[in-house]
Amino acid sequence: MPKKDSHDAYIAAAPEQFRALLGQLRAQLSRALPDAEEIIKYDMPGFQIEKTIIAGYAAFNKQCGLYVDPEAITSCADEIKSLKLKATKTGVTFSVSRPITDELIEKLAISSRRNKGF
């Protein structure tokens, strides 16, 4: 995907099937991190507090990803597994057929924030 300079532009350029999911993800992250600033870093939209990235997200050809602090992933591992989502050390991938829940987004964002000292 070409470089984008805003969350709106990023979502608009994402594969069509993911735009609603990304919009929902963005809204939920905004609610969970009300004092975080929306940023674009490393060609991905994210949320930061005082120059520290708390959460980021991305769209790919077949899935989307939410990227947070590794300890946030570990603390939510059982819930991620129960939703049959894939996780890496710093991210959770999801799709239209296997969406991430608002509750999990909030837990991951708040945990990531706490783990980063905010």
PDB file of N, CA and C in Angstrom:
ATOM      1  N   MET A   1       0.843  -1.173   0.000  1.00  0.00           N
ATOM      2  CA  MET A   1       0.000   0.000   0.000  1.00  0.00           C
ATOM      3  C   MET A   1       0.892   1.242   0.000  1.00  0.00           C
ATOM      4  N   PRO A   2       0.564   2.259  -0.789  1.00  0.00           N
ATOM      5  CA  PRO A   2       1.375   3.475  -0.797  1.00  0.00           C
ATOM      6  C   PRO A   2       1.339   4.169   0.564  1.00  0.00           C
ATOM      7  N   LYS A   3       2.355   5.003   0.808  1.00  0.00           N
ATOM      8  CA  LYS A   3       2.414   5.738   2.070  1.00  0.00           C
ATOM      9  C   LYS A   3       1.201   6.649   2.199  1.00  0.00           C
ATOM     10  N   LYS A   4       0.652   6.712   3.390  1.00  0.00           N
ATOM     11  CA  LYS A   4      -0.493   7.568   3.691  1.00  0.00           C
ATOM     12  C   LYS A   4      -0.116   8.458   4.864  1.00  0.00           C
ATOM     13  N   ASP A   5      -0.705   9.647   4.922  1.00  0.00           N
ATOM     14  CA  ASP A   5      -0.335  10.589   5.969  1.00  0.00           C
ATOM     15  C   ASP A   5      -1.401  10.792   7.038  1.00  0.00           C
ATOM     16  N   SER A   6      -2.464  10.002   7.011  1.00  0.00           N
ATOM     17  CA  SER A   6      -3.488  10.099   8.048  1.00  0.00           C
ATOM     18  C   SER A   6      -4.194   8.755   8.188  1.00  0.00           C
ATOM     19  N   HIS A   7      -4.868   8.585   9.302  1.00  0.00           N
ATOM     20  CA  HIS A   7      -5.635   7.354   9.509  1.00  0.00           C
ATOM     21  C   HIS A   7      -6.731   7.238   8.451  1.00  0.00           C
ATOM     22  N   ASP A   8      -7.407   8.345   8.161  1.00  0.00           N
ATOM     23  CA  ASP A   8      -8.462   8.323   7.144  1.00  0.00           C
ATOM     24  C   ASP A   8      -7.924   7.854   5.793  1.00  0.00           C
ATOM     25  N   ALA A   9      -6.786   8.406   5.395  1.00  0.00           N
ATOM     26  CA  ALA A   9      -6.195   8.035   4.103  1.00  0.00           C
ATOM     27  C   ALA A   9      -5.756   6.576   4.101  1.00  0.00           C
ATOM     28  N   TYR A  10      -5.190   6.122   5.199  1.00  0.00           N
ATOM     29  CA  TYR A  10      -4.757   4.737   5.296  1.00  0.00           C
ATOM     30  C   TYR A  10      -5.946   3.791   5.142  1.00  0.00           C
ATOM     31  N   ILE A  11      -7.009   4.052   5.889  1.00  0.00           N
ATOM     32  CA  ILE A  11      -8.190   3.190   5.836  1.00  0.00           C
ATOM     33  C   ILE A  11      -8.823   3.218   4.453  1.00  0.00           C
ATOM     34  N   ALA A  12      -8.881   4.394   3.843  1.00  0.00           N
ATOM     35  CA  ALA A  12      -9.467   4.515   2.499  1.00  0.00           C
ATOM     36  C   ALA A  12      -8.682   3.731   1.455  1.00  0.00           C
ATOM     37  N   ALA A  13      -7.364   3.602   1.654  1.00  0.00           N
ATOM     38  CA  ALA A  13      -6.521   2.883   0.694  1.00  0.00           C
ATOM     39  C   ALA A  13      -6.419   1.386   0.986  1.00  0.00           C
ATOM     40  N   ALA A  14      -6.939   0.953   2.127  1.00  0.00           N
ATOM     41  CA  ALA A  14      -6.875  -0.462   2.502  1.00  0.00           C
ATOM     42  C   ALA A  14      -7.805  -1.281   1.608  1.00  0.00           C
ATOM     43  N   PRO A  15      -7.566  -2.584   1.520  1.00  0.00           N
ATOM     44  CA  PRO A  15      -8.494  -3.431   0.761  1.00  0.00           C
ATOM     45  C   PRO A  15      -9.925  -3.217   1.253  1.00  0.00           C
ATOM     46  N   GLU A  16     -10.838  -3.119   0.312  1.00  0.00           N
ATOM     47  CA  GLU A  16     -12.219  -2.751   0.627  1.00  0.00           C
ATOM     48  C   GLU A  16     -12.846  -3.599   1.731  1.00  0.00           C
ATOM     49  N   GLN A  17     -12.580  -4.900   1.708  1.00  0.00           N
ATOM     50  CA  GLN A  17     -13.209  -5.778   2.688  1.00  0.00           C
ATOM     51  C   GLN A  17     -12.766  -5.484   4.125  1.00  0.00           C
ATOM     52  N   PHE A  18     -11.680  -4.729   4.311  1.00  0.00           N
ATOM     53  CA  PHE A  18     -11.160  -4.446   5.653  1.00  0.00           C
ATOM     54  C   PHE A  18     -11.474  -3.041   6.150  1.00  0.00           C
ATOM     55  N   ARG A  19     -12.003  -2.188   5.323  1.00  0.00           N
ATOM     56  CA  ARG A  19     -12.187  -0.786   5.720  1.00  0.00           C
ATOM     57  C   ARG A  19     -13.098  -0.629   6.928  1.00  0.00           C
ATOM     58  N   ALA A  20     -14.203  -1.339   6.972  1.00  0.00           N
ATOM     59  CA  ALA A  20     -15.114  -1.234   8.129  1.00  0.00           C
ATOM     60  C   ALA A  20     -14.434  -1.752   9.397  1.00  0.00           C
ATOM     61  N   LEU A  21     -13.713  -2.875   9.287  1.00  0.00           N
ATOM     62  CA  LEU A  21     -12.992  -3.415  10.438  1.00  0.00           C
ATOM     63  C   LEU A  21     -11.962  -2.418  10.958  1.00  0.00           C
ATOM     64  N   LEU A  22     -11.229  -1.801  10.051  1.00  0.00           N
ATOM     65  CA  LEU A  22     -10.213  -0.830  10.455  1.00  0.00           C
ATOM     66  C   LEU A  22     -10.846   0.399  11.086  1.00  0.00           C
ATOM     67  N   GLY A  23     -11.978   0.840  10.549  1.00  0.00           N
ATOM     68  CA  GLY A  23     -12.686   1.974  11.138  1.00  0.00           C
ATOM     69  C   GLY A  23     -13.149   1.662  12.549  1.00  0.00           C
ATOM     70  N   GLN A  24     -13.648   0.465  12.747  1.00  0.00           N
ATOM     71  CA  GLN A  24     -14.090   0.024  14.071  1.00  0.00           C
ATOM     72  C   GLN A  24     -12.899  -0.072  15.026  1.00  0.00           C
ATOM     73  N   LEU A  25     -11.807  -0.616  14.545  1.00  0.00           N
ATOM     74  CA  LEU A  25     -10.594  -0.739  15.351  1.00  0.00           C
ATOM     75  C   LEU A  25     -10.093   0.636  15.773  1.00  0.00           C
ATOM     76  N   ARG A  26     -10.032   1.550  14.839  1.00  0.00           N
ATOM     77  CA  ARG A  26      -9.589   2.919  15.126  1.00  0.00           C
ATOM     78  C   ARG A  26     -10.483   3.554  16.181  1.00  0.00           C
ATOM     79  N   ALA A  27     -11.797   3.426  16.025  1.00  0.00           N
ATOM     80  CA  ALA A  27     -12.738   4.019  16.976  1.00  0.00           C
ATOM     81  C   ALA A  27     -12.556   3.421  18.368  1.00  0.00           C
ATOM     82  N   GLN A  28     -12.389   2.110  18.437  1.00  0.00           N
ATOM     83  CA  GLN A  28     -12.230   1.458  19.736  1.00  0.00           C
ATOM     84  C   GLN A  28     -10.907   1.862  20.385  1.00  0.00           C
ATOM     85  N   LEU A  29      -9.844   1.965  19.610  1.00  0.00           N
ATOM     86  CA  LEU A  29      -8.568   2.426  20.163  1.00  0.00           C
ATOM     87  C   LEU A  29      -8.678   3.867  20.658  1.00  0.00           C
ATOM     88  N   SER A  30      -9.396   4.703  19.936  1.00  0.00           N
ATOM     89  CA  SER A  30      -9.604   6.094  20.366  1.00  0.00           C
ATOM     90  C   SER A  30     -10.336   6.149  21.701  1.00  0.00           C
ATOM     91  N   ARG A  31     -11.332   5.280  21.867  1.00  0.00           N
ATOM     92  CA  ARG A  31     -12.075   5.241  23.138  1.00  0.00           C
ATOM     93  C   ARG A  31     -11.198   4.706  24.270  1.00  0.00           C
ATOM     94  N   ALA A  32     -10.416   3.680  23.995  1.00  0.00           N
ATOM     95  CA  ALA A  32      -9.579   3.068  25.023  1.00  0.00           C
ATOM     96  C   ALA A  32      -8.377   3.938  25.396  1.00  0.00           C
ATOM     97  N   LEU A  33      -7.929   4.752  24.455  1.00  0.00           N
ATOM     98  CA  LEU A  33      -6.753   5.616  24.659  1.00  0.00           C
ATOM     99  C   LEU A  33      -7.125   7.076  24.375  1.00  0.00           C
ATOM    100  N   PRO A  34      -8.041   7.664  25.164  1.00  0.00           N
ATOM    101  CA  PRO A  34      -8.577   8.984  24.825  1.00  0.00           C
ATOM    102  C   PRO A  34      -7.548  10.105  24.799  1.00  0.00           C
ATOM    103  N   ASP A  35      -6.439   9.974  25.515  1.00  0.00           N
ATOM    104  CA  ASP A  35      -5.429  11.032  25.529  1.00  0.00           C
ATOM    105  C   ASP A  35      -4.268  10.752  24.576  1.00  0.00           C
ATOM    106  N   ALA A  36      -4.379   9.691  23.789  1.00  0.00           N
ATOM    107  CA  ALA A  36      -3.319   9.360  22.829  1.00  0.00           C
ATOM    108  C   ALA A  36      -3.519  10.156  21.536  1.00  0.00           C
ATOM    109  N   GLU A  37      -2.421  10.440  20.900  1.00  0.00           N
ATOM    110  CA  GLU A  37      -2.412  11.171  19.633  1.00  0.00           C
ATOM    111  C   GLU A  37      -2.401  10.174  18.476  1.00  0.00           C
ATOM    112  N   GLU A  38      -3.217  10.430  17.465  1.00  0.00           N
ATOM    113  CA  GLU A  38      -3.169   9.603  16.254  1.00  0.00           C
ATOM    114  C   GLU A  38      -1.940   9.978  15.456  1.00  0.00           C
ATOM    115  N   ILE A  39      -1.195   8.972  15.040  1.00  0.00           N
ATOM    116  CA  ILE A  39       0.037   9.196  14.290  1.00  0.00           C
ATOM    117  C   ILE A  39       0.142   8.189  13.150  1.00  0.00           C
ATOM    118  N   ILE A  40       1.035   8.480  12.227  1.00  0.00           N
ATOM    119  CA  ILE A  40       1.457   7.518  11.210  1.00  0.00           C
ATOM    120  C   ILE A  40       2.968   7.378  11.385  1.00  0.00           C
ATOM    121  N   LYS A  41       3.401   6.162  11.733  1.00  0.00           N
ATOM    122  CA  LYS A  41       4.834   5.882  11.873  1.00  0.00           C
ATOM    123  C   LYS A  41       5.094   4.515  11.259  1.00  0.00           C
ATOM    124  N   TYR A  42       6.236   4.388  10.629  1.00  0.00           N
ATOM    125  CA  TYR A  42       6.607   3.130   9.968  1.00  0.00           C
ATOM    126  C   TYR A  42       5.518   2.726   8.960  1.00  0.00           C
ATOM    127  N   ASP A  43       4.916   3.717   8.316  1.00  0.00           N
ATOM    128  CA  ASP A  43       3.865   3.511   7.314  1.00  0.00           C
ATOM    129  C   ASP A  43       2.617   2.841   7.880  1.00  0.00           C
ATOM    130  N   MET A  44       2.409   2.943   9.195  1.00  0.00           N
ATOM    131  CA  MET A  44       1.231   2.361   9.833  1.00  0.00           C
ATOM    132  C   MET A  44       0.563   3.407  10.716  1.00  0.00           C
ATOM    133  N   PRO A  45      -0.770   3.360  10.785  1.00  0.00           N
ATOM    134  CA  PRO A  45      -1.453   4.235  11.730  1.00  0.00           C
ATOM    135  C   PRO A  45      -1.276   3.700  13.143  1.00  0.00           C
ATOM    136  N   GLY A  46      -1.210   4.615  14.087  1.00  0.00           N
ATOM    137  CA  GLY A  46      -1.051   4.210  15.472  1.00  0.00           C
ATOM    138  C   GLY A  46      -1.486   5.298  16.424  1.00  0.00           C
ATOM    139  N   PHE A  47      -1.302   5.005  17.691  1.00  0.00           N
ATOM    140  CA  PHE A  47      -1.651   5.917  18.770  1.00  0.00           C
ATOM    141  C   PHE A  47      -0.452   6.021  19.690  1.00  0.00           C
ATOM    142  N   GLN A  48      -0.070   7.266  20.019  1.00  0.00           N
ATOM    143  CA  GLN A  48       1.087   7.453  20.872  1.00  0.00           C
ATOM    144  C   GLN A  48       0.775   8.420  21.999  1.00  0.00           C
ATOM    145  N   ILE A  49       1.516   8.256  23.082  1.00  0.00           N
ATOM    146  CA  ILE A  49       1.482   9.167  24.211  1.00  0.00           C
ATOM    147  C   ILE A  49       2.923   9.580  24.452  1.00  0.00           C
ATOM    148  N   GLU A  50       3.173  10.879  24.432  1.00  0.00           N
ATOM    149  CA  GLU A  50       4.528  11.400  24.668  1.00  0.00           C
ATOM    150  C   GLU A  50       5.592  10.692  23.830  1.00  0.00           C
ATOM    151  N   LYS A  51       5.429  10.551  22.583  1.00  0.00           N
ATOM    152  CA  LYS A  51       6.403   9.938  21.663  1.00  0.00           C
ATOM    153  C   LYS A  51       6.551   8.421  21.824  1.00  0.00           C
ATOM    154  N   THR A  52       5.726   7.795  22.662  1.00  0.00           N
ATOM    155  CA  THR A  52       5.750   6.348  22.831  1.00  0.00           C
ATOM    156  C   THR A  52       4.538   5.754  22.130  1.00  0.00           C
ATOM    157  N   ILE A  53       4.769   4.860  21.185  1.00  0.00           N
ATOM    158  CA  ILE A  53       3.666   4.220  20.471  1.00  0.00           C
ATOM    159  C   ILE A  53       3.040   3.184  21.399  1.00  0.00           C
ATOM    160  N   ILE A  54       1.748   3.334  21.629  1.00  0.00           N
ATOM    161  CA  ILE A  54       1.004   2.425  22.503  1.00  0.00           C
ATOM    162  C   ILE A  54       0.382   1.299  21.676  1.00  0.00           C
ATOM    163  N   ALA A  55      -0.154   1.639  20.516  1.00  0.00           N
ATOM    164  CA  ALA A  55      -0.806   0.644  19.652  1.00  0.00           C
ATOM    165  C   ALA A  55      -0.714   1.117  18.207  1.00  0.00           C
ATOM    166  N   GLY A  56      -0.624   0.151  17.310  1.00  0.00           N
ATOM    167  CA  GLY A  56      -0.635   0.434  15.887  1.00  0.00           C
ATOM    168  C   GLY A  56      -1.454  -0.625  15.177  1.00  0.00           C
ATOM    169  N   TYR A  57      -1.848  -0.338  13.953  1.00  0.00           N
ATOM    170  CA  TYR A  57      -2.611  -1.324  13.194  1.00  0.00           C
ATOM    171  C   TYR A  57      -2.244  -1.246  11.723  1.00  0.00           C
ATOM    172  N   ALA A  58      -2.569  -2.318  11.010  1.00  0.00           N
ATOM    173  CA  ALA A  58      -2.222  -2.388   9.594  1.00  0.00           C
ATOM    174  C   ALA A  58      -3.182  -3.314   8.863  1.00  0.00           C
ATOM    175  N   ALA A  59      -3.276  -3.106   7.561  1.00  0.00           N
ATOM    176  CA  ALA A  59      -4.058  -3.983   6.689  1.00  0.00           C
ATOM    177  C   ALA A  59      -3.108  -4.615   5.684  1.00  0.00           C
ATOM    178  N   PHE A  60      -3.362  -5.864   5.397  1.00  0.00           N
ATOM    179  CA  PHE A  60      -2.582  -6.606   4.417  1.00  0.00           C
ATOM    180  C   PHE A  60      -3.551  -7.178   3.388  1.00  0.00           C
ATOM    181  N   ASN A  61      -3.098  -8.044   2.520  1.00  0.00           N
ATOM    182  CA  ASN A  61      -3.976  -8.601   1.492  1.00  0.00           C
ATOM    183  C   ASN A  61      -5.078  -9.488   2.051  1.00  0.00           C
ATOM    184  N   LYS A  62      -4.761 -10.306   3.050  1.00  0.00           N
ATOM    185  CA  LYS A  62      -5.719 -11.291   3.547  1.00  0.00           C
ATOM    186  C   LYS A  62      -6.124 -11.097   4.999  1.00  0.00           C
ATOM    187  N   GLN A  63      -5.508 -10.147   5.691  1.00  0.00           N
ATOM    188  CA  GLN A  63      -5.797  -9.963   7.102  1.00  0.00           C
ATOM    189  C   GLN A  63      -5.387  -8.573   7.563  1.00  0.00           C
ATOM    190  N   CYS A  64      -5.750  -8.264   8.798  1.00  0.00           N
ATOM    191  CA  CYS A  64      -5.351  -7.027   9.455  1.00  0.00           C
ATOM    192  C   CYS A  64      -4.594  -7.399  10.714  1.00  0.00           C
ATOM    193  N   GLY A  65      -3.874  -6.444  11.267  1.00  0.00           N
ATOM    194  CA  GLY A  65      -3.143  -6.693  12.493  1.00  0.00           C
ATOM    195  C   GLY A  65      -3.249  -5.534  13.460  1.00  0.00           C
ATOM    196  N   LEU A  66      -3.259  -5.851  14.733  1.00  0.00           N
ATOM    197  CA  LEU A  66      -3.198  -4.881  15.819  1.00  0.00           C
ATOM    198  C   LEU A  66      -1.895  -5.149  16.556  1.00  0.00           C
ATOM    199  N   TYR A  67      -1.079  -4.118  16.748  1.00  0.00           N
ATOM    200  CA  TYR A  67       0.258  -4.270  17.311  1.00  0.00           C
ATOM    201  C   TYR A  67       0.368  -3.489  18.610  1.00  0.00           C
ATOM    202  N   VAL A  68       0.770  -4.189  19.669  1.00  0.00           N
ATOM    203  CA  VAL A  68       0.836  -3.621  21.007  1.00  0.00           C
ATOM    204  C   VAL A  68       2.080  -4.141  21.721  1.00  0.00           C
ATOM    205  N   ASP A  69       2.218  -3.787  22.980  1.00  0.00           N
ATOM    206  CA  ASP A  69       3.316  -4.248  23.805  1.00  0.00           C
ATOM    207  C   ASP A  69       3.271  -5.775  23.947  1.00  0.00           C
ATOM    208  N   PRO A  70       4.420  -6.457  23.900  1.00  0.00           N
ATOM    209  CA  PRO A  70       4.424  -7.922  24.007  1.00  0.00           C
ATOM    210  C   PRO A  70       3.728  -8.467  25.259  1.00  0.00           C
ATOM    211  N   GLU A  71       3.859  -7.772  26.378  1.00  0.00           N
ATOM    212  CA  GLU A  71       3.211  -8.238  27.602  1.00  0.00           C
ATOM    213  C   GLU A  71       1.692  -8.181  27.491  1.00  0.00           C
ATOM    214  N   ALA A  72       1.177  -7.255  26.698  1.00  0.00           N
ATOM    215  CA  ALA A  72      -0.270  -7.181  26.477  1.00  0.00           C
ATOM    216  C   ALA A  72      -0.748  -8.430  25.748  1.00  0.00           C
ATOM    217  N   ILE A  73       0.029  -8.881  24.767  1.00  0.00           N
ATOM    218  CA  ILE A  73      -0.312 -10.106  24.034  1.00  0.00           C
ATOM    219  C   ILE A  73      -0.310 -11.290  24.996  1.00  0.00           C
ATOM    220  N   THR A  74       0.729 -11.380  25.811  1.00  0.00           N
ATOM    221  CA  THR A  74       0.841 -12.483  26.768  1.00  0.00           C
ATOM    222  C   THR A  74      -0.329 -12.483  27.751  1.00  0.00           C
ATOM    223  N   SER A  75      -0.690 -11.313  28.253  1.00  0.00           N
ATOM    224  CA  SER A  75      -1.755 -11.248  29.261  1.00  0.00           C
ATOM    225  C   SER A  75      -3.126 -11.593  28.687  1.00  0.00           C
ATOM    226  N   CYS A  76      -3.291 -11.493  27.382  1.00  0.00           N
ATOM    227  CA  CYS A  76      -4.575 -11.802  26.737  1.00  0.00           C
ATOM    228  C   CYS A  76      -4.517 -13.075  25.904  1.00  0.00           C
ATOM    229  N   ALA A  77      -3.486 -13.881  26.092  1.00  0.00           N
ATOM    230  CA  ALA A  77      -3.256 -15.060  25.247  1.00  0.00           C
ATOM    231  C   ALA A  77      -4.450 -16.012  25.233  1.00  0.00           C
ATOM    232  N   ASP A  78      -5.065 -16.253  26.378  1.00  0.00           N
ATOM    233  CA  ASP A  78      -6.199 -17.184  26.425  1.00  0.00           C
ATOM    234  C   ASP A  78      -7.382 -16.671  25.619  1.00  0.00           C
ATOM    235  N   GLU A  79      -7.657 -15.369  25.737  1.00  0.00           N
ATOM    236  CA  GLU A  79      -8.775 -14.787  24.986  1.00  0.00           C
ATOM    237  C   GLU A  79      -8.481 -14.793  23.478  1.00  0.00           C
ATOM    238  N   ILE A  80      -7.255 -14.482  23.110  1.00  0.00           N
ATOM    239  CA  ILE A  80      -6.859 -14.512  21.701  1.00  0.00           C
ATOM    240  C   ILE A  80      -7.057 -15.921  21.146  1.00  0.00           C
ATOM    241  N   LYS A  81      -6.614 -16.900  21.899  1.00  0.00           N
ATOM    242  CA  LYS A  81      -6.748 -18.301  21.475  1.00  0.00           C
ATOM    243  C   LYS A  81      -8.219 -18.701  21.370  1.00  0.00           C
ATOM    244  N   SER A  82      -9.034 -18.293  22.335  1.00  0.00           N
ATOM    245  CA  SER A  82     -10.456 -18.678  22.324  1.00  0.00           C
ATOM    246  C   SER A  82     -11.195 -18.087  21.122  1.00  0.00           C
ATOM    247  N   LEU A  83     -10.723 -16.949  20.618  1.00  0.00           N
ATOM    248  CA  LEU A  83     -11.322 -16.331  19.431  1.00  0.00           C
ATOM    249  C   LEU A  83     -10.731 -16.908  18.136  1.00  0.00           C
ATOM    250  N   LYS A  84      -9.773 -17.825  18.289  1.00  0.00           N
ATOM    251  CA  LYS A  84      -9.096 -18.460  17.158  1.00  0.00           C
ATOM    252  C   LYS A  84      -8.361 -17.451  16.280  1.00  0.00           C
ATOM    253  N   LEU A  85      -7.777 -16.457  16.935  1.00  0.00           N
ATOM    254  CA  LEU A  85      -6.962 -15.466  16.248  1.00  0.00           C
ATOM    255  C   LEU A  85      -5.501 -15.880  16.359  1.00  0.00           C
ATOM    256  N   LYS A  86      -4.693 -15.419  15.429  1.00  0.00           N
ATOM    257  CA  LYS A  86      -3.263 -15.708  15.466  1.00  0.00           C
ATOM    258  C   LYS A  86      -2.553 -14.552  16.163  1.00  0.00           C
ATOM    259  N   ALA A  87      -1.548 -14.909  16.953  1.00  0.00           N
ATOM    260  CA  ALA A  87      -0.769 -13.894  17.651  1.00  0.00           C
ATOM    261  C   ALA A  87       0.716 -14.121  17.417  1.00  0.00           C
ATOM    262  N   THR A  88       1.439 -13.026  17.330  1.00  0.00           N
ATOM    263  CA  THR A  88       2.897 -13.044  17.329  1.00  0.00           C
ATOM    264  C   THR A  88       3.330 -12.393  18.635  1.00  0.00           C
ATOM    265  N   LYS A  89       4.588 -12.153  18.788  1.00  0.00           N
ATOM    266  CA  LYS A  89       5.083 -11.533  20.012  1.00  0.00           C
ATOM    267  C   LYS A  89       4.441 -10.165  20.254  1.00  0.00           C
ATOM    268  N   THR A  90       4.196  -9.424  19.193  1.00  0.00           N
ATOM    269  CA  THR A  90       3.686  -8.054  19.361  1.00  0.00           C
ATOM    270  C   THR A  90       2.372  -7.778  18.644  1.00  0.00           C
ATOM    271  N   GLY A  91       1.747  -8.784  18.044  1.00  0.00           N
ATOM    272  CA  GLY A  91       0.543  -8.493  17.275  1.00  0.00           C
ATOM    273  C   GLY A  91      -0.478  -9.603  17.273  1.00  0.00           C
ATOM    274  N   VAL A  92      -1.689  -9.197  16.922  1.00  0.00           N
ATOM    275  CA  VAL A  92      -2.806 -10.121  16.753  1.00  0.00           C
ATOM    276  C   VAL A  92      -3.359  -9.881  15.358  1.00  0.00           C
ATOM    277  N   THR A  93      -3.519 -10.936  14.581  1.00  0.00           N
ATOM    278  CA  THR A  93      -4.088 -10.782  13.248  1.00  0.00           C
ATOM    279  C   THR A  93      -5.539 -11.244  13.254  1.00  0.00           C
ATOM    280  N   PHE A  94      -6.320 -10.594  12.400  1.00  0.00           N
ATOM    281  CA  PHE A  94      -7.748 -10.872  12.321  1.00  0.00           C
ATOM    282  C   PHE A  94      -8.235 -10.569  10.918  1.00  0.00           C
ATOM    283  N   SER A  95      -9.449 -11.016  10.617  1.00  0.00           N
ATOM    284  CA  SER A  95     -10.024 -10.817   9.283  1.00  0.00           C
ATOM    285  C   SER A  95     -11.529 -10.639   9.411  1.00  0.00           C
ATOM    286  N   VAL A  96     -12.180 -10.493   8.295  1.00  0.00           N
ATOM    287  CA  VAL A  96     -13.636 -10.355   8.282  1.00  0.00           C
ATOM    288  C   VAL A  96     -14.286 -11.615   8.850  1.00  0.00           C
ATOM    289  N   SER A  97     -13.767 -12.783   8.478  1.00  0.00           N
ATOM    290  CA  SER A  97     -14.348 -14.038   8.960  1.00  0.00           C
ATOM    291  C   SER A  97     -13.951 -14.356  10.404  1.00  0.00           C
ATOM    292  N   ARG A  98     -12.865 -13.775  10.882  1.00  0.00           N
ATOM    293  CA  ARG A  98     -12.413 -13.938  12.275  1.00  0.00           C
ATOM    294  C   ARG A  98     -12.058 -12.565  12.827  1.00  0.00           C
ATOM    295  N   PRO A  99     -13.072 -11.776  13.172  1.00  0.00           N
ATOM    296  CA  PRO A  99     -12.804 -10.415  13.651  1.00  0.00           C
ATOM    297  C   PRO A  99     -12.314 -10.387  15.092  1.00  0.00           C
ATOM    298  N   ILE A 100     -11.664  -9.319  15.446  1.00  0.00           N
ATOM    299  CA  ILE A 100     -11.238  -9.085  16.827  1.00  0.00           C
ATOM    300  C   ILE A 100     -12.393  -8.354  17.516  1.00  0.00           C
ATOM    301  N   THR A 101     -12.629  -8.675  18.775  1.00  0.00           N
ATOM    302  CA  THR A 101     -13.743  -8.057  19.488  1.00  0.00           C
ATOM    303  C   THR A 101     -13.346  -6.702  20.067  1.00  0.00           C
ATOM    304  N   ASP A 102     -14.343  -5.851  20.275  1.00  0.00           N
ATOM    305  CA  ASP A 102     -14.095  -4.559  20.909  1.00  0.00           C
ATOM    306  C   ASP A 102     -13.490  -4.750  22.297  1.00  0.00           C
ATOM    307  N   GLU A 103     -13.962  -5.757  23.013  1.00  0.00           N
ATOM    308  CA  GLU A 103     -13.466  -6.015  24.360  1.00  0.00           C
ATOM    309  C   GLU A 103     -11.980  -6.363  24.346  1.00  0.00           C
ATOM    310  N   LEU A 104     -11.570  -7.191  23.395  1.00  0.00           N
ATOM    311  CA  LEU A 104     -10.162  -7.565  23.308  1.00  0.00           C
ATOM    312  C   LEU A 104      -9.314  -6.370  22.888  1.00  0.00           C
ATOM    313  N   ILE A 105      -9.801  -5.571  21.958  1.00  0.00           N
ATOM    314  CA  ILE A 105      -9.072  -4.364  21.547  1.00  0.00           C
ATOM    315  C   ILE A 105      -8.814  -3.486  22.772  1.00  0.00           C
ATOM    316  N   GLU A 106      -9.864  -3.261  23.556  1.00  0.00           N
ATOM    317  CA  GLU A 106      -9.734  -2.410  24.744  1.00  0.00           C
ATOM    318  C   GLU A 106      -8.738  -3.002  25.737  1.00  0.00           C
ATOM    319  N   LYS A 107      -8.832  -4.291  26.013  1.00  0.00           N
ATOM    320  CA  LYS A 107      -7.903  -4.937  26.946  1.00  0.00           C
ATOM    321  C   LYS A 107      -6.463  -4.811  26.474  1.00  0.00           C
ATOM    322  N   LEU A 108      -6.234  -5.063  25.194  1.00  0.00           N
ATOM    323  CA  LEU A 108      -4.877  -4.980  24.652  1.00  0.00           C
ATOM    324  C   LEU A 108      -4.340  -3.557  24.723  1.00  0.00           C
ATOM    325  N   ALA A 109      -5.166  -2.579  24.365  1.00  0.00           N
ATOM    326  CA  ALA A 109      -4.731  -1.179  24.378  1.00  0.00           C
ATOM    327  C   ALA A 109      -4.409  -0.713  25.793  1.00  0.00           C
ATOM    328  N   ILE A 110      -5.275  -1.016  26.737  1.00  0.00           N
ATOM    329  CA  ILE A 110      -5.059  -0.585  28.123  1.00  0.00           C
ATOM    330  C   ILE A 110      -3.847  -1.288  28.719  1.00  0.00           C
ATOM    331  N   SER A 111      -3.698  -2.566  28.452  1.00  0.00           N
ATOM    332  CA  SER A 111      -2.536  -3.304  28.942  1.00  0.00           C
ATOM    333  C   SER A 111      -1.249  -2.760  28.334  1.00  0.00           C
ATOM    334  N   SER A 112      -1.261  -2.488  27.032  1.00  0.00           N
ATOM    335  CA  SER A 112      -0.083  -1.938  26.366  1.00  0.00           C
ATOM    336  C   SER A 112       0.293  -0.590  26.972  1.00  0.00           C
ATOM    337  N   ARG A 113      -0.713   0.249  27.214  1.00  0.00           N
ATOM    338  CA  ARG A 113      -0.485   1.564  27.815  1.00  0.00           C
ATOM    339  C   ARG A 113       0.174   1.404  29.186  1.00  0.00           C
ATOM    340  N   ARG A 114      -0.383   0.530  30.000  1.00  0.00           N
ATOM    341  CA  ARG A 114       0.120   0.312  31.358  1.00  0.00           C
ATOM    342  C   ARG A 114       1.569  -0.226  31.305  1.00  0.00           C
ATOM    343  N   ASN A 115       1.808  -1.185  30.409  1.00  0.00           N
ATOM    344  CA  ASN A 115       3.135  -1.772  30.295  1.00  0.00           C
ATOM    345  C   ASN A 115       4.181  -0.778  29.805  1.00  0.00           C
ATOM    346  N   LYS A 116       3.744   0.245  29.117  1.00  0.00           N
ATOM    347  CA  LYS A 116       4.668   1.269  28.624  1.00  0.00           C
ATOM    348  C   LYS A 116       4.787   2.442  29.605  1.00  0.00           C
ATOM    349  N   GLY A 117       4.143   2.305  30.768  1.00  0.00           N
ATOM    350  CA  GLY A 117       4.342   3.287  31.841  1.00  0.00           C
ATOM    351  C   GLY A 117       3.384   4.461  31.829  1.00  0.00           C
ATOM    352  N   PHE A 118       2.215   4.311  31.195  1.00  0.00           N
ATOM    353  CA  PHE A 118       1.241   5.424  31.159  1.00  0.00           C
ATOM    354  C   PHE A 118      -0.060   5.032  31.786  1.00  0.00           C
TER     355      PHE A 118
END
